[in-house]
Amino acid sequence: MTTTKQVQGWIDSYVHAWNTADPQDIAALFTADAEYHEQPFETDWVGREAIVAGWLSRQDWQAGGWSFESEILMITGDTAAVSGVGVYKELGTFENLWVVTLTTGGRCSMFRMWNNEIQA
């Protein structure tokens, strides 16, 4: 069973990897066959290499700075629901709902995100 501590550790590592844009930091988050799905953008990256490449293609999103705050909503078995708000100075504010499935080793095997821009 996945714990709150494990989920929070994964979230912290996710934010760290987004900050560093280091392929090794990104890869460490996901299993080799992980899936990353994002709506409404219809992003479907399957496999660790595709996820790393996808993340690196979005580094310009961070221009001007950004912040992220999250809250773990619930954990059921190996899957957690996480609410987050990302504020990008160049892009705007986005509310996220993540559904993250972690392995016993703490890596994500399935990541689903609903990404909603907050209109000013």
Protein backbone atom coordinates (compact mmCIF):
# COMPACT_ATOMS: atom_id res chain seq x y z
CA MET A 1 0.00 0.00 0.00
CA THR A 2 1.32 3.42 -0.97
CA THR A 3 1.74 5.90 1.89
CA THR A 4 1.28 9.66 2.12
CA LYS A 5 5.03 9.98 2.73
CA GLN A 6 5.79 8.08 -0.50
CA VAL A 7 3.35 10.17 -2.54
CA GLN A 8 4.66 13.45 -1.10
CA GLY A 9 8.22 12.32 -1.80
CA TRP A 10 7.29 11.58 -5.40
CA ILE A 11 5.60 14.98 -5.78
CA ASP A 12 8.68 16.70 -4.33
CA SER A 13 10.88 14.79 -6.78
CA TYR A 14 8.54 15.73 -9.64
CA VAL A 15 8.85 19.44 -8.80
CA HIS A 16 12.63 19.05 -8.42
CA ALA A 17 12.87 17.41 -11.85
CA TRP A 18 10.72 20.15 -13.41
CA ASN A 19 13.15 22.68 -11.91
CA THR A 20 16.36 20.96 -12.99
CA ALA A 21 15.24 19.69 -16.41
CA ASP A 22 17.86 16.99 -15.87
CA PRO A 23 16.94 13.89 -17.90
CA GLN A 24 18.16 11.65 -15.06
CA ASP A 25 15.91 13.42 -12.53
CA ILE A 26 12.93 13.04 -14.86
CA ALA A 27 13.69 9.40 -15.69
CA ALA A 28 14.02 8.53 -11.98
CA LEU A 29 10.33 9.34 -11.51
CA PHE A 30 8.97 6.77 -13.95
CA THR A 31 9.14 3.05 -14.72
CA ALA A 32 10.56 2.03 -18.09
CA ASP A 33 7.08 1.34 -19.46
CA ALA A 34 5.26 4.20 -17.71
CA GLU A 35 2.39 6.06 -19.32
CA TYR A 36 1.84 9.84 -19.06
CA HIS A 37 -1.52 11.17 -20.18
CA GLU A 38 -2.60 14.81 -20.05
CA GLN A 39 -5.98 16.27 -20.85
CA PRO A 40 -7.28 18.39 -22.51
CA PHE A 41 -4.02 18.52 -24.48
CA GLU A 42 -4.28 14.87 -25.56
CA THR A 43 -0.69 14.27 -24.53
CA ASP A 44 0.10 10.59 -24.50
CA TRP A 45 3.71 9.72 -23.79
CA VAL A 46 4.34 6.01 -23.38
CA GLY A 47 7.67 4.82 -22.04
CA ARG A 48 10.27 6.60 -19.93
CA GLU A 49 12.20 7.90 -22.94
CA ALA A 50 9.09 9.50 -24.44
CA ILE A 51 8.22 11.08 -21.09
CA VAL A 52 11.71 12.57 -20.71
CA ALA A 53 11.63 13.93 -24.26
CA GLY A 54 8.15 15.37 -23.72
CA TRP A 55 9.18 17.13 -20.52
CA LEU A 56 12.29 18.58 -22.12
CA SER A 57 10.20 19.94 -25.01
CA ARG A 58 8.29 22.09 -22.50
CA GLN A 59 11.16 23.84 -20.77
CA ASP A 60 10.27 27.20 -22.33
CA TRP A 61 7.07 27.10 -20.23
CA GLN A 62 9.21 28.08 -17.26
CA ALA A 63 10.44 31.35 -18.80
CA GLY A 64 10.00 34.15 -16.28
CA GLY A 65 9.53 31.76 -13.36
CA TRP A 66 6.84 29.52 -11.95
CA SER A 67 5.51 27.99 -8.75
CA PHE A 68 3.54 24.89 -7.82
CA GLU A 69 1.50 23.92 -4.78
CA SER A 70 -0.19 20.59 -4.25
CA GLU A 71 -2.40 18.64 -1.89
CA ILE A 72 -2.83 14.89 -1.68
CA LEU A 73 -6.57 14.28 -1.89
CA MET A 74 -6.64 10.52 -1.33
CA ILE A 75 -4.70 7.30 -1.66
CA THR A 76 -6.27 3.99 -2.59
CA GLY A 77 -3.89 1.04 -2.78
CA ASP A 78 -1.06 2.08 -5.09
CA THR A 79 -2.88 5.08 -6.60
CA ALA A 80 -3.08 8.66 -5.34
CA ALA A 81 -5.18 11.64 -6.38
CA VAL A 82 -3.39 14.98 -6.13
CA SER A 83 -4.72 18.50 -6.58
CA GLY A 84 -2.23 21.12 -7.74
CA VAL A 85 -1.97 24.70 -8.89
CA GLY A 86 0.85 25.76 -11.19
CA VAL A 87 1.46 29.46 -11.77
CA TYR A 88 3.62 30.27 -14.79
CA LYS A 89 4.50 33.93 -15.25
CA GLU A 90 4.48 33.57 -19.05
CA LEU A 91 1.56 31.12 -19.42
CA GLY A 92 -0.89 31.78 -16.61
CA THR A 93 -2.38 29.72 -13.81
CA PHE A 94 -3.41 26.09 -14.15
CA GLU A 95 -5.35 23.86 -11.77
CA ASN A 96 -4.35 20.22 -12.05
CA LEU A 97 -5.81 16.94 -10.95
CA TRP A 98 -3.28 14.12 -11.01
CA VAL A 99 -3.99 10.43 -10.64
CA VAL A 100 -0.65 8.74 -9.99
CA THR A 101 0.01 5.01 -9.67
CA LEU A 102 3.28 4.15 -7.92
CA THR A 103 5.20 0.90 -7.79
CA THR A 104 6.57 -0.53 -4.55
CA GLY A 105 9.89 1.06 -5.55
CA GLY A 106 8.29 4.51 -5.64
CA ARG A 107 8.32 5.07 -9.39
CA CYS A 108 5.25 6.07 -11.33
CA SER A 109 3.83 3.53 -13.75
CA MET A 110 0.71 5.51 -14.73
CA PHE A 111 0.27 9.29 -14.62
CA ARG A 112 -2.97 10.97 -15.63
CA MET A 113 -3.43 14.73 -15.42
CA TRP A 114 -6.35 17.00 -16.11
CA ASN A 115 -4.88 20.44 -16.71
CA ASN A 116 -7.30 23.39 -16.58
CA GLU A 117 -6.27 26.98 -17.22
CA ILE A 118 -7.81 29.47 -14.81
CA GLN A 119 -9.15 32.44 -16.73
CA ALA A 120 -8.16 35.83 -15.31
